[in-house]
Every structure is written in structure tokens, then in C-alpha cells.
Amino acid sequence: MQIKGHTVRGKVLDEETRCAHYHSEIDRIAINFYCCGTYYPCYECHEEDGCGNPGVWPTEMFGEKAVLCGACGYELTVSEYLTCGSKCLTCSALFNPGCSLHKNLYFQT
């Protein structure tokens, strides 16, 4: 699905990147998976439809754009995302703070 000019794969339900697994009002990001360079709304979507070889963003690449705001299309770097306080730096849309429970699946910790 095309979302704000970016292809997002997986079980995407709407134009803000909500998916079949996570679809509350504040579930509005997609992760550009390091292993395949493809946006997915969550790790479960990647497990079902991804490259089959999950990998995490290494610390030395935290300056790279890796998180898509489903509200406005801004791409946050890993560092920006990890320090944004669960809010888009551009449009102030809220992100699900519970995503931090899964950060080890996306980013080197």
C-alpha cells in the first residue's frame, strides 16, 4: 500500500499504517526494516510477509531514516524516534508508547 509516498507492506488497514495486529488510534508508524529495506507496520507483519531474515538497525546507523509517521509521512531517524517521546517531530501526532516494548526487534540495544 502507498502511504504518504512510501510503500508499506504487510496487513495494512489504513492510510496511517495501522495493521491487522496493531490498530488503535495511536498505532501510526511503520518501520523500515534494516534487513530488507522495506517498511512494515510491525514485526508481525514482517514475520508474515517479510524477507525471512530479520535484522536490527545497528547503533552506528541510528542517524538513518527508519520510521515513517503515518499521519504526515515524515521519516524519523532511529535516534529521533527513540528520543521523540512517542510523538512526531513534524506534525505532533501521537505514537503508541507501547512500541518501545518491541524496540529490540527493530534496533540494536
PDB file of N, CA and C in Angstrom:
ATOM      1  N   MET A   1       0.834  -1.174   0.000  1.00  0.00           N
ATOM      2  CA  MET A   1       0.000   0.000   0.000  1.00  0.00           C
ATOM      3  C   MET A   1       0.884   1.244   0.000  1.00  0.00           C
ATOM      4  N   GLN A   2       0.502   2.239  -0.748  1.00  0.00           N
ATOM      5  CA  GLN A   2       1.225   3.515  -0.765  1.00  0.00           C
ATOM      6  C   GLN A   2       0.687   4.392   0.358  1.00  0.00           C
ATOM      7  N   ILE A   3       1.581   4.836   1.219  1.00  0.00           N
ATOM      8  CA  ILE A   3       1.209   5.711   2.329  1.00  0.00           C
ATOM      9  C   ILE A   3       2.138   6.906   2.331  1.00  0.00           C
ATOM     10  N   LYS A   4       1.578   8.054   2.076  1.00  0.00           N
ATOM     11  CA  LYS A   4       2.335   9.311   2.063  1.00  0.00           C
ATOM     12  C   LYS A   4       3.582   9.196   1.184  1.00  0.00           C
ATOM     13  N   GLY A   5       3.441   8.543   0.028  1.00  0.00           N
ATOM     14  CA  GLY A   5       4.535   8.425  -0.925  1.00  0.00           C
ATOM     15  C   GLY A   5       5.512   7.296  -0.658  1.00  0.00           C
ATOM     16  N   HIS A   6       5.215   6.430   0.311  1.00  0.00           N
ATOM     17  CA  HIS A   6       6.097   5.315   0.655  1.00  0.00           C
ATOM     18  C   HIS A   6       5.318   4.007   0.563  1.00  0.00           C
ATOM     19  N   THR A   7       5.972   2.976   0.074  1.00  0.00           N
ATOM     20  CA  THR A   7       5.350   1.661   0.036  1.00  0.00           C
ATOM     21  C   THR A   7       5.472   1.021   1.407  1.00  0.00           C
ATOM     22  N   VAL A   8       4.343   0.596   1.952  1.00  0.00           N
ATOM     23  CA  VAL A   8       4.307  -0.103   3.233  1.00  0.00           C
ATOM     24  C   VAL A   8       3.670  -1.454   2.979  1.00  0.00           C
ATOM     25  N   ARG A   9       4.379  -2.517   3.324  1.00  0.00           N
ATOM     26  CA  ARG A   9       3.892  -3.874   3.098  1.00  0.00           C
ATOM     27  C   ARG A   9       3.335  -4.469   4.378  1.00  0.00           C
ATOM     28  N   GLY A  10       2.633  -5.566   4.244  1.00  0.00           N
ATOM     29  CA  GLY A  10       2.046  -6.245   5.392  1.00  0.00           C
ATOM     30  C   GLY A  10       0.542  -6.117   5.365  1.00  0.00           C
ATOM     31  N   LYS A  11      -0.071  -6.456   6.466  1.00  0.00           N
ATOM     32  CA  LYS A  11      -1.533  -6.420   6.580  1.00  0.00           C
ATOM     33  C   LYS A  11      -1.985  -5.017   6.981  1.00  0.00           C
ATOM     34  N   VAL A  12      -1.708  -4.047   6.101  1.00  0.00           N
ATOM     35  CA  VAL A  12      -2.014  -2.648   6.351  1.00  0.00           C
ATOM     36  C   VAL A  12      -3.517  -2.420   6.197  1.00  0.00           C
ATOM     37  N   LEU A  13      -4.103  -1.738   7.174  1.00  0.00           N
ATOM     38  CA  LEU A  13      -5.537  -1.497   7.165  1.00  0.00           C
ATOM     39  C   LEU A  13      -5.940  -0.109   6.696  1.00  0.00           C
ATOM     40  N   ASP A  14      -5.078   0.887   6.929  1.00  0.00           N
ATOM     41  CA  ASP A  14      -5.475   2.245   6.559  1.00  0.00           C
ATOM     42  C   ASP A  14      -4.282   3.100   6.163  1.00  0.00           C
ATOM     43  N   GLU A  15      -4.584   4.346   5.804  1.00  0.00           N
ATOM     44  CA  GLU A  15      -3.584   5.276   5.281  1.00  0.00           C
ATOM     45  C   GLU A  15      -2.655   5.851   6.345  1.00  0.00           C
ATOM     46  N   GLU A  16      -2.809   5.423   7.608  1.00  0.00           N
ATOM     47  CA  GLU A  16      -1.878   5.864   8.654  1.00  0.00           C
ATOM     48  C   GLU A  16      -1.018   4.715   9.168  1.00  0.00           C
ATOM     49  N   THR A  17      -0.968   3.627   8.458  1.00  0.00           N
ATOM     50  CA  THR A  17      -0.136   2.433   8.698  1.00  0.00           C
ATOM     51  C   THR A  17      -0.661   1.484   9.762  1.00  0.00           C
ATOM     52  N   ARG A  18      -1.894   1.668  10.219  1.00  0.00           N
ATOM     53  CA  ARG A  18      -2.437   0.687  11.163  1.00  0.00           C
ATOM     54  C   ARG A  18      -2.537  -0.648  10.452  1.00  0.00           C
ATOM     55  N   CYS A  19      -2.313  -1.718  11.205  1.00  0.00           N
ATOM     56  CA  CYS A  19      -2.321  -3.044  10.586  1.00  0.00           C
ATOM     57  C   CYS A  19      -3.267  -3.975  11.330  1.00  0.00           C
ATOM     58  N   ALA A  20      -3.370  -5.190  10.836  1.00  0.00           N
ATOM     59  CA  ALA A  20      -4.252  -6.183  11.439  1.00  0.00           C
ATOM     60  C   ALA A  20      -3.842  -6.507  12.875  1.00  0.00           C
ATOM     61  N   HIS A  21      -2.572  -6.306  13.212  1.00  0.00           N
ATOM     62  CA  HIS A  21      -2.070  -6.643  14.548  1.00  0.00           C
ATOM     63  C   HIS A  21      -2.165  -5.481  15.536  1.00  0.00           C
ATOM     64  N   TYR A  22      -1.906  -4.275  15.050  1.00  0.00           N
ATOM     65  CA  TYR A  22      -1.901  -3.072  15.891  1.00  0.00           C
ATOM     66  C   TYR A  22      -2.711  -1.998  15.180  1.00  0.00           C
ATOM     67  N   HIS A  23      -3.868  -1.664  15.718  1.00  0.00           N
ATOM     68  CA  HIS A  23      -4.756  -0.747  15.004  1.00  0.00           C
ATOM     69  C   HIS A  23      -5.519   0.215  15.913  1.00  0.00           C
ATOM     70  N   SER A  24      -4.891   0.611  17.018  1.00  0.00           N
ATOM     71  CA  SER A  24      -5.518   1.637  17.854  1.00  0.00           C
ATOM     72  C   SER A  24      -5.284   3.006  17.213  1.00  0.00           C
ATOM     73  N   GLU A  25      -5.905   4.008  17.760  1.00  0.00           N
ATOM     74  CA  GLU A  25      -5.773   5.372  17.232  1.00  0.00           C
ATOM     75  C   GLU A  25      -4.310   5.810  17.144  1.00  0.00           C
ATOM     76  N   ILE A  26      -3.473   5.391  18.092  1.00  0.00           N
ATOM     77  CA  ILE A  26      -2.086   5.864  18.124  1.00  0.00           C
ATOM     78  C   ILE A  26      -1.097   4.912  17.443  1.00  0.00           C
ATOM     79  N   ASP A  27      -1.587   3.866  16.819  1.00  0.00           N
ATOM     80  CA  ASP A  27      -0.716   2.973  16.036  1.00  0.00           C
ATOM     81  C   ASP A  27      -0.589   3.548  14.636  1.00  0.00           C
ATOM     82  N   ARG A  28       0.424   4.399  14.446  1.00  0.00           N
ATOM     83  CA  ARG A  28       0.545   5.095  13.170  1.00  0.00           C
ATOM     84  C   ARG A  28       1.991   5.265  12.718  1.00  0.00           C
ATOM     85  N   ILE A  29       2.807   4.237  12.926  1.00  0.00           N
ATOM     86  CA  ILE A  29       4.159   4.268  12.378  1.00  0.00           C
ATOM     87  C   ILE A  29       4.408   3.003  11.573  1.00  0.00           C
ATOM     88  N   ALA A  30       5.398   3.069  10.732  1.00  0.00           N
ATOM     89  CA  ALA A  30       5.911   1.889  10.048  1.00  0.00           C
ATOM     90  C   ALA A  30       7.426   1.916  10.202  1.00  0.00           C
ATOM     91  N   ILE A  31       8.003   0.738  10.314  1.00  0.00           N
ATOM     92  CA  ILE A  31       9.450   0.602  10.487  1.00  0.00           C
ATOM     93  C   ILE A  31      10.063   0.173   9.155  1.00  0.00           C
ATOM     94  N   ASN A  32      11.105   0.868   8.748  1.00  0.00           N
ATOM     95  CA  ASN A  32      11.878   0.449   7.585  1.00  0.00           C
ATOM     96  C   ASN A  32      12.851  -0.624   8.100  1.00  0.00           C
ATOM     97  N   PHE A  33      12.525  -1.870   7.845  1.00  0.00           N
ATOM     98  CA  PHE A  33      13.323  -2.957   8.403  1.00  0.00           C
ATOM     99  C   PHE A  33      14.725  -2.960   7.800  1.00  0.00           C
ATOM    100  N   TYR A  34      15.707  -2.968   8.675  1.00  0.00           N
ATOM    101  CA  TYR A  34      17.107  -2.925   8.271  1.00  0.00           C
ATOM    102  C   TYR A  34      17.474  -4.080   7.346  1.00  0.00           C
ATOM    103  N   CYS A  35      16.928  -5.244   7.622  1.00  0.00           N
ATOM    104  CA  CYS A  35      17.298  -6.452   6.882  1.00  0.00           C
ATOM    105  C   CYS A  35      16.871  -6.419   5.420  1.00  0.00           C
ATOM    106  N   CYS A  36      15.760  -5.772   5.122  1.00  0.00           N
ATOM    107  CA  CYS A  36      15.259  -5.812   3.742  1.00  0.00           C
ATOM    108  C   CYS A  36      14.966  -4.433   3.162  1.00  0.00           C
ATOM    109  N   GLY A  37      15.123  -3.374   3.970  1.00  0.00           N
ATOM    110  CA  GLY A  37      14.901  -2.023   3.467  1.00  0.00           C
ATOM    111  C   GLY A  37      13.461  -1.769   3.053  1.00  0.00           C
ATOM    112  N   THR A  38      12.526  -2.412   3.744  1.00  0.00           N
ATOM    113  CA  THR A  38      11.110  -2.304   3.411  1.00  0.00           C
ATOM    114  C   THR A  38      10.326  -1.885   4.638  1.00  0.00           C
ATOM    115  N   TYR A  39       9.369  -0.980   4.430  1.00  0.00           N
ATOM    116  CA  TYR A  39       8.507  -0.548   5.527  1.00  0.00           C
ATOM    117  C   TYR A  39       7.430  -1.578   5.824  1.00  0.00           C
ATOM    118  N   TYR A  40       7.276  -1.884   7.127  1.00  0.00           N
ATOM    119  CA  TYR A  40       6.199  -2.729   7.647  1.00  0.00           C
ATOM    120  C   TYR A  40       5.648  -2.033   8.886  1.00  0.00           C
ATOM    121  N   PRO A  41       4.347  -2.173   9.162  1.00  0.00           N
ATOM    122  CA  PRO A  41       3.771  -1.557  10.357  1.00  0.00           C
ATOM    123  C   PRO A  41       4.268  -2.169  11.664  1.00  0.00           C
ATOM    124  N   CYS A  42       4.648  -3.444  11.641  1.00  0.00           N
ATOM    125  CA  CYS A  42       5.063  -4.096  12.881  1.00  0.00           C
ATOM    126  C   CYS A  42       5.893  -5.342  12.565  1.00  0.00           C
ATOM    127  N   TYR A  43       6.484  -5.897  13.606  1.00  0.00           N
ATOM    128  CA  TYR A  43       7.310  -7.092  13.443  1.00  0.00           C
ATOM    129  C   TYR A  43       6.475  -8.292  13.002  1.00  0.00           C
ATOM    130  N   GLU A  44       5.210  -8.349  13.397  1.00  0.00           N
ATOM    131  CA  GLU A  44       4.370  -9.469  12.989  1.00  0.00           C
ATOM    132  C   GLU A  44       4.080  -9.427  11.492  1.00  0.00           C
ATOM    133  N   CYS A  45       3.832  -8.243  10.963  1.00  0.00           N
ATOM    134  CA  CYS A  45       3.649  -8.108   9.511  1.00  0.00           C
ATOM    135  C   CYS A  45       4.920  -8.545   8.779  1.00  0.00           C
ATOM    136  N   HIS A  46       6.082  -8.156   9.316  1.00  0.00           N
ATOM    137  CA  HIS A  46       7.347  -8.551   8.695  1.00  0.00           C
ATOM    138  C   HIS A  46       7.543 -10.059   8.767  1.00  0.00           C
ATOM    139  N   GLU A  47       7.185 -10.672   9.892  1.00  0.00           N
ATOM    140  CA  GLU A  47       7.306 -12.133  10.018  1.00  0.00           C
ATOM    141  C   GLU A  47       6.449 -12.850   8.982  1.00  0.00           C
ATOM    142  N   GLU A  48       5.262 -12.324   8.729  1.00  0.00           N
ATOM    143  CA  GLU A  48       4.330 -12.963   7.808  1.00  0.00           C
ATOM    144  C   GLU A  48       4.650 -12.718   6.335  1.00  0.00           C
ATOM    145  N   ASP A  49       5.216 -11.544   6.029  1.00  0.00           N
ATOM    146  CA  ASP A  49       5.359 -11.147   4.628  1.00  0.00           C
ATOM    147  C   ASP A  49       6.754 -10.631   4.279  1.00  0.00           C
ATOM    148  N   GLY A  50       7.691 -10.724   5.210  1.00  0.00           N
ATOM    149  CA  GLY A  50       8.995 -10.103   5.016  1.00  0.00           C
ATOM    150  C   GLY A  50      10.028 -10.987   4.363  1.00  0.00           C
ATOM    151  N   CYS A  51      11.265 -10.626   4.582  1.00  0.00           N
ATOM    152  CA  CYS A  51      12.393 -11.248   3.899  1.00  0.00           C
ATOM    153  C   CYS A  51      12.784 -12.606   4.479  1.00  0.00           C
ATOM    154  N   GLY A  52      12.282 -12.937   5.664  1.00  0.00           N
ATOM    155  CA  GLY A  52      12.628 -14.216   6.279  1.00  0.00           C
ATOM    156  C   GLY A  52      13.967 -14.213   6.990  1.00  0.00           C
ATOM    157  N   ASN A  53      14.620 -13.058   7.032  1.00  0.00           N
ATOM    158  CA  ASN A  53      15.935 -12.949   7.656  1.00  0.00           C
ATOM    159  C   ASN A  53      15.981 -11.680   8.513  1.00  0.00           C
ATOM    160  N   PRO A  54      15.203 -11.619   9.614  1.00  0.00           N
ATOM    161  CA  PRO A  54      15.115 -10.377  10.380  1.00  0.00           C
ATOM    162  C   PRO A  54      16.460  -9.903  10.908  1.00  0.00           C
ATOM    163  N   GLY A  55      16.639  -8.609  10.831  1.00  0.00           N
ATOM    164  CA  GLY A  55      17.846  -7.973  11.348  1.00  0.00           C
ATOM    165  C   GLY A  55      17.483  -6.645  11.963  1.00  0.00           C
ATOM    166  N   VAL A  56      18.301  -6.150  12.871  1.00  0.00           N
ATOM    167  CA  VAL A  56      18.021  -4.886  13.558  1.00  0.00           C
ATOM    168  C   VAL A  56      18.991  -3.795  13.100  1.00  0.00           C
ATOM    169  N   TRP A  57      18.545  -2.564  13.240  1.00  0.00           N
ATOM    170  CA  TRP A  57      19.403  -1.433  12.898  1.00  0.00           C
ATOM    171  C   TRP A  57      20.575  -1.371  13.875  1.00  0.00           C
ATOM    172  N   PRO A  58      21.820  -1.406  13.372  1.00  0.00           N
ATOM    173  CA  PRO A  58      22.981  -1.298  14.260  1.00  0.00           C
ATOM    174  C   PRO A  58      23.120   0.133  14.800  1.00  0.00           C
ATOM    175  N   THR A  59      23.645   0.230  15.993  1.00  0.00           N
ATOM    176  CA  THR A  59      23.790   1.518  16.675  1.00  0.00           C
ATOM    177  C   THR A  59      24.477   2.563  15.808  1.00  0.00           C
ATOM    178  N   GLU A  60      25.485   2.170  15.068  1.00  0.00           N
ATOM    179  CA  GLU A  60      26.227   3.145  14.254  1.00  0.00           C
ATOM    180  C   GLU A  60      25.415   3.704  13.094  1.00  0.00           C
ATOM    181  N   MET A  61      24.222   3.164  12.857  1.00  0.00           N
ATOM    182  CA  MET A  61      23.358   3.654  11.777  1.00  0.00           C
ATOM    183  C   MET A  61      22.091   4.328  12.311  1.00  0.00           C
ATOM    184  N   PHE A  62      22.095   4.721  13.570  1.00  0.00           N
ATOM    185  CA  PHE A  62      20.917   5.352  14.168  1.00  0.00           C
ATOM    186  C   PHE A  62      20.625   6.734  13.577  1.00  0.00           C
ATOM    187  N   GLY A  63      21.497   7.252  12.754  1.00  0.00           N
ATOM    188  CA  GLY A  63      21.263   8.519  12.065  1.00  0.00           C
ATOM    189  C   GLY A  63      20.485   8.349  10.771  1.00  0.00           C
ATOM    190  N   GLU A  64      20.201   7.108  10.399  1.00  0.00           N
ATOM    191  CA  GLU A  64      19.467   6.811   9.166  1.00  0.00           C
ATOM    192  C   GLU A  64      17.958   6.884   9.395  1.00  0.00           C
ATOM    193  N   LYS A  65      17.238   7.297   8.356  1.00  0.00           N
ATOM    194  CA  LYS A  65      15.775   7.345   8.424  1.00  0.00           C
ATOM    195  C   LYS A  65      15.230   5.926   8.437  1.00  0.00           C
ATOM    196  N   ALA A  66      14.389   5.635   9.438  1.00  0.00           N
ATOM    197  CA  ALA A  66      13.914   4.261   9.596  1.00  0.00           C
ATOM    198  C   ALA A  66      12.490   4.138  10.108  1.00  0.00           C
ATOM    199  N   VAL A  67      11.837   5.252  10.447  1.00  0.00           N
ATOM    200  CA  VAL A  67      10.482   5.187  10.993  1.00  0.00           C
ATOM    201  C   VAL A  67       9.610   6.207  10.259  1.00  0.00           C
ATOM    202  N   LEU A  68       8.498   5.729   9.747  1.00  0.00           N
ATOM    203  CA  LEU A  68       7.577   6.569   8.983  1.00  0.00           C
ATOM    204  C   LEU A  68       6.391   6.970   9.849  1.00  0.00           C
ATOM    205  N   CYS A  69       6.131   8.259   9.938  1.00  0.00           N
ATOM    206  CA  CYS A  69       4.921   8.738  10.607  1.00  0.00           C
ATOM    207  C   CYS A  69       3.761   8.555   9.643  1.00  0.00           C
ATOM    208  N   GLY A  70       2.786   7.766  10.041  1.00  0.00           N
ATOM    209  CA  GLY A  70       1.635   7.513   9.194  1.00  0.00           C
ATOM    210  C   GLY A  70       0.699   8.700   9.070  1.00  0.00           C
ATOM    211  N   ALA A  71       0.833   9.671   9.959  1.00  0.00           N
ATOM    212  CA  ALA A  71      -0.030  10.844   9.901  1.00  0.00           C
ATOM    213  C   ALA A  71       0.420  11.843   8.837  1.00  0.00           C
ATOM    214  N   CYS A  72       1.735  12.115   8.781  1.00  0.00           N
ATOM    215  CA  CYS A  72       2.214  13.155   7.857  1.00  0.00           C
ATOM    216  C   CYS A  72       3.238  12.672   6.831  1.00  0.00           C
ATOM    217  N   GLY A  73       3.795  11.478   7.027  1.00  0.00           N
ATOM    218  CA  GLY A  73       4.779  10.961   6.087  1.00  0.00           C
ATOM    219  C   GLY A  73       6.214  11.325   6.410  1.00  0.00           C
ATOM    220  N   TYR A  74       6.454  12.027   7.516  1.00  0.00           N
ATOM    221  CA  TYR A  74       7.821  12.360   7.899  1.00  0.00           C
ATOM    222  C   TYR A  74       8.574  11.083   8.258  1.00  0.00           C
ATOM    223  N   GLU A  75       9.822  10.997   7.800  1.00  0.00           N
ATOM    224  CA  GLU A  75      10.669   9.855   8.138  1.00  0.00           C
ATOM    225  C   GLU A  75      11.628  10.274   9.253  1.00  0.00           C
ATOM    226  N   LEU A  76      11.476   9.623  10.397  1.00  0.00           N
ATOM    227  CA  LEU A  76      12.351   9.885  11.530  1.00  0.00           C
ATOM    228  C   LEU A  76      13.577   8.991  11.447  1.00  0.00           C
ATOM    229  N   THR A  77      14.714   9.513  11.886  1.00  0.00           N
ATOM    230  CA  THR A  77      15.882   8.657  12.039  1.00  0.00           C
ATOM    231  C   THR A  77      15.626   7.767  13.258  1.00  0.00           C
ATOM    232  N   VAL A  78      16.419   6.734  13.401  1.00  0.00           N
ATOM    233  CA  VAL A  78      16.290   5.869  14.579  1.00  0.00           C
ATOM    234  C   VAL A  78      16.476   6.699  15.838  1.00  0.00           C
ATOM    235  N   SER A  79      17.500   7.538  15.870  1.00  0.00           N
ATOM    236  CA  SER A  79      17.760   8.379  17.052  1.00  0.00           C
ATOM    237  C   SER A  79      16.588   9.297  17.348  1.00  0.00           C
ATOM    238  N   GLU A  80      16.038   9.928  16.323  1.00  0.00           N
ATOM    239  CA  GLU A  80      14.884  10.803  16.527  1.00  0.00           C
ATOM    240  C   GLU A  80      13.715  10.024  17.118  1.00  0.00           C
ATOM    241  N   TYR A  81      13.460   8.856  16.558  1.00  0.00           N
ATOM    242  CA  TYR A  81      12.344   8.050  17.031  1.00  0.00           C
ATOM    243  C   TYR A  81      12.530   7.631  18.493  1.00  0.00           C
ATOM    244  N   LEU A  82      13.730   7.198  18.831  1.00  0.00           N
ATOM    245  CA  LEU A  82      13.978   6.718  20.185  1.00  0.00           C
ATOM    246  C   LEU A  82      13.916   7.828  21.235  1.00  0.00           C
ATOM    247  N   THR A  83      14.019   9.076  20.811  1.00  0.00           N
ATOM    248  CA  THR A  83      14.002  10.192  21.754  1.00  0.00           C
ATOM    249  C   THR A  83      12.817  11.140  21.566  1.00  0.00           C
ATOM    250  N   CYS A  84      11.858  10.781  20.727  1.00  0.00           N
ATOM    251  CA  CYS A  84      10.768  11.703  20.383  1.00  0.00           C
ATOM    252  C   CYS A  84       9.641  11.753  21.404  1.00  0.00           C
ATOM    253  N   GLY A  85       9.657  10.901  22.400  1.00  0.00           N
ATOM    254  CA  GLY A  85       8.588  10.907  23.384  1.00  0.00           C
ATOM    255  C   GLY A  85       7.258  10.441  22.825  1.00  0.00           C
ATOM    256  N   SER A  86       7.311   9.532  21.862  1.00  0.00           N
ATOM    257  CA  SER A  86       6.107   8.956  21.239  1.00  0.00           C
ATOM    258  C   SER A  86       5.235   9.998  20.550  1.00  0.00           C
ATOM    259  N   LYS A  87       5.915  10.948  19.867  1.00  0.00           N
ATOM    260  CA  LYS A  87       5.202  11.998  19.149  1.00  0.00           C
ATOM    261  C   LYS A  87       6.018  12.412  17.934  1.00  0.00           C
ATOM    262  N   CYS A  88       5.347  12.601  16.800  1.00  0.00           N
ATOM    263  CA  CYS A  88       6.033  13.010  15.577  1.00  0.00           C
ATOM    264  C   CYS A  88       6.673  14.380  15.757  1.00  0.00           C
ATOM    265  N   LEU A  89       7.889  14.506  15.306  1.00  0.00           N
ATOM    266  CA  LEU A  89       8.621  15.766  15.424  1.00  0.00           C
ATOM    267  C   LEU A  89       8.089  16.829  14.478  1.00  0.00           C
ATOM    268  N   THR A  90       7.369  16.418  13.439  1.00  0.00           N
ATOM    269  CA  THR A  90       6.865  17.361  12.455  1.00  0.00           C
ATOM    270  C   THR A  90       5.413  17.754  12.693  1.00  0.00           C
ATOM    271  N   CYS A  91       4.534  16.777  12.865  1.00  0.00           N
ATOM    272  CA  CYS A  91       3.099  17.080  12.974  1.00  0.00           C
ATOM    273  C   CYS A  91       2.532  16.889  14.379  1.00  0.00           C
ATOM    274  N   SER A  92       3.341  16.395  15.305  1.00  0.00           N
ATOM    275  CA  SER A  92       2.955  16.156  16.703  1.00  0.00           C
ATOM    276  C   SER A  92       1.915  15.054  16.887  1.00  0.00           C
ATOM    277  N   ALA A  93       1.680  14.231  15.866  1.00  0.00           N
ATOM    278  CA  ALA A  93       0.782  13.086  16.022  1.00  0.00           C
ATOM    279  C   ALA A  93       1.380  12.149  17.061  1.00  0.00           C
ATOM    280  N   LEU A  94       0.527  11.584  17.884  1.00  0.00           N
ATOM    281  CA  LEU A  94       0.994  10.677  18.923  1.00  0.00           C
ATOM    282  C   LEU A  94       1.264   9.290  18.361  1.00  0.00           C
ATOM    283  N   PHE A  95       2.318   8.661  18.864  1.00  0.00           N
ATOM    284  CA  PHE A  95       2.669   7.282  18.533  1.00  0.00           C
ATOM    285  C   PHE A  95       2.378   6.420  19.752  1.00  0.00           C
ATOM    286  N   ASN A  96       2.213   5.143  19.536  1.00  0.00           N
ATOM    287  CA  ASN A  96       1.940   4.219  20.623  1.00  0.00           C
ATOM    288  C   ASN A  96       3.214   4.023  21.459  1.00  0.00           C
ATOM    289  N   PRO A  97       3.203   4.459  22.730  1.00  0.00           N
ATOM    290  CA  PRO A  97       4.401   4.281  23.556  1.00  0.00           C
ATOM    291  C   PRO A  97       4.703   2.811  23.827  1.00  0.00           C
ATOM    292  N   GLY A  98       3.723   1.940  23.661  1.00  0.00           N
ATOM    293  CA  GLY A  98       3.936   0.511  23.851  1.00  0.00           C
ATOM    294  C   GLY A  98       4.882  -0.095  22.834  1.00  0.00           C
ATOM    295  N   CYS A  99       5.105   0.595  21.722  1.00  0.00           N
ATOM    296  CA  CYS A  99       6.044   0.087  20.710  1.00  0.00           C
ATOM    297  C   CYS A  99       7.449  -0.074  21.294  1.00  0.00           C
ATOM    298  N   SER A 100       7.751   0.689  22.327  1.00  0.00           N
ATOM    299  CA  SER A 100       9.080   0.593  22.934  1.00  0.00           C
ATOM    300  C   SER A 100       9.327  -0.793  23.535  1.00  0.00           C
ATOM    301  N   LEU A 101       8.271  -1.525  23.812  1.00  0.00           N
ATOM    302  CA  LEU A 101       8.422  -2.891  24.324  1.00  0.00           C
ATOM    303  C   LEU A 101       9.046  -3.821  23.292  1.00  0.00           C
ATOM    304  N   HIS A 102       8.950  -3.434  22.025  1.00  0.00           N
ATOM    305  CA  HIS A 102       9.465  -4.266  20.929  1.00  0.00           C
ATOM    306  C   HIS A 102      10.710  -3.670  20.265  1.00  0.00           C
ATOM    307  N   LYS A 103      11.278  -2.616  20.828  1.00  0.00           N
ATOM    308  CA  LYS A 103      12.380  -1.936  20.142  1.00  0.00           C
ATOM    309  C   LYS A 103      13.568  -2.845  19.876  1.00  0.00           C
ATOM    310  N   ASN A 104      13.758  -3.871  20.700  1.00  0.00           N
ATOM    311  CA  ASN A 104      14.875  -4.798  20.470  1.00  0.00           C
ATOM    312  C   ASN A 104      14.673  -5.625  19.192  1.00  0.00           C
ATOM    313  N   LEU A 105      13.464  -5.664  18.664  1.00  0.00           N
ATOM    314  CA  LEU A 105      13.196  -6.371  17.409  1.00  0.00           C
ATOM    315  C   LEU A 105      13.540  -5.517  16.193  1.00  0.00           C
ATOM    316  N   TYR A 106      13.735  -4.216  16.407  1.00  0.00           N
ATOM    317  CA  TYR A 106      13.984  -3.275  15.321  1.00  0.00           C
ATOM    318  C   TYR A 106      15.362  -2.626  15.397  1.00  0.00           C
ATOM    319  N   PHE A 107      15.815  -2.360  16.621  1.00  0.00           N
ATOM    320  CA  PHE A 107      17.027  -1.568  16.832  1.00  0.00           C
ATOM    321  C   PHE A 107      17.970  -2.263  17.809  1.00  0.00           C
ATOM    322  N   GLN A 108      19.270  -2.154  17.547  1.00  0.00           N
ATOM    323  CA  GLN A 108      20.264  -2.732  18.448  1.00  0.00           C
ATOM    324  C   GLN A 108      20.154  -2.024  19.797  1.00  0.00           C
ATOM    325  N   THR A 109      20.144  -2.810  20.855  1.00  0.00           N
ATOM    326  CA  THR A 109      20.023  -2.207  22.190  1.00  0.00           C
ATOM    327  C   THR A 109      21.237  -2.516  23.031  1.00  0.00           C
TER     328      THR A 109
END
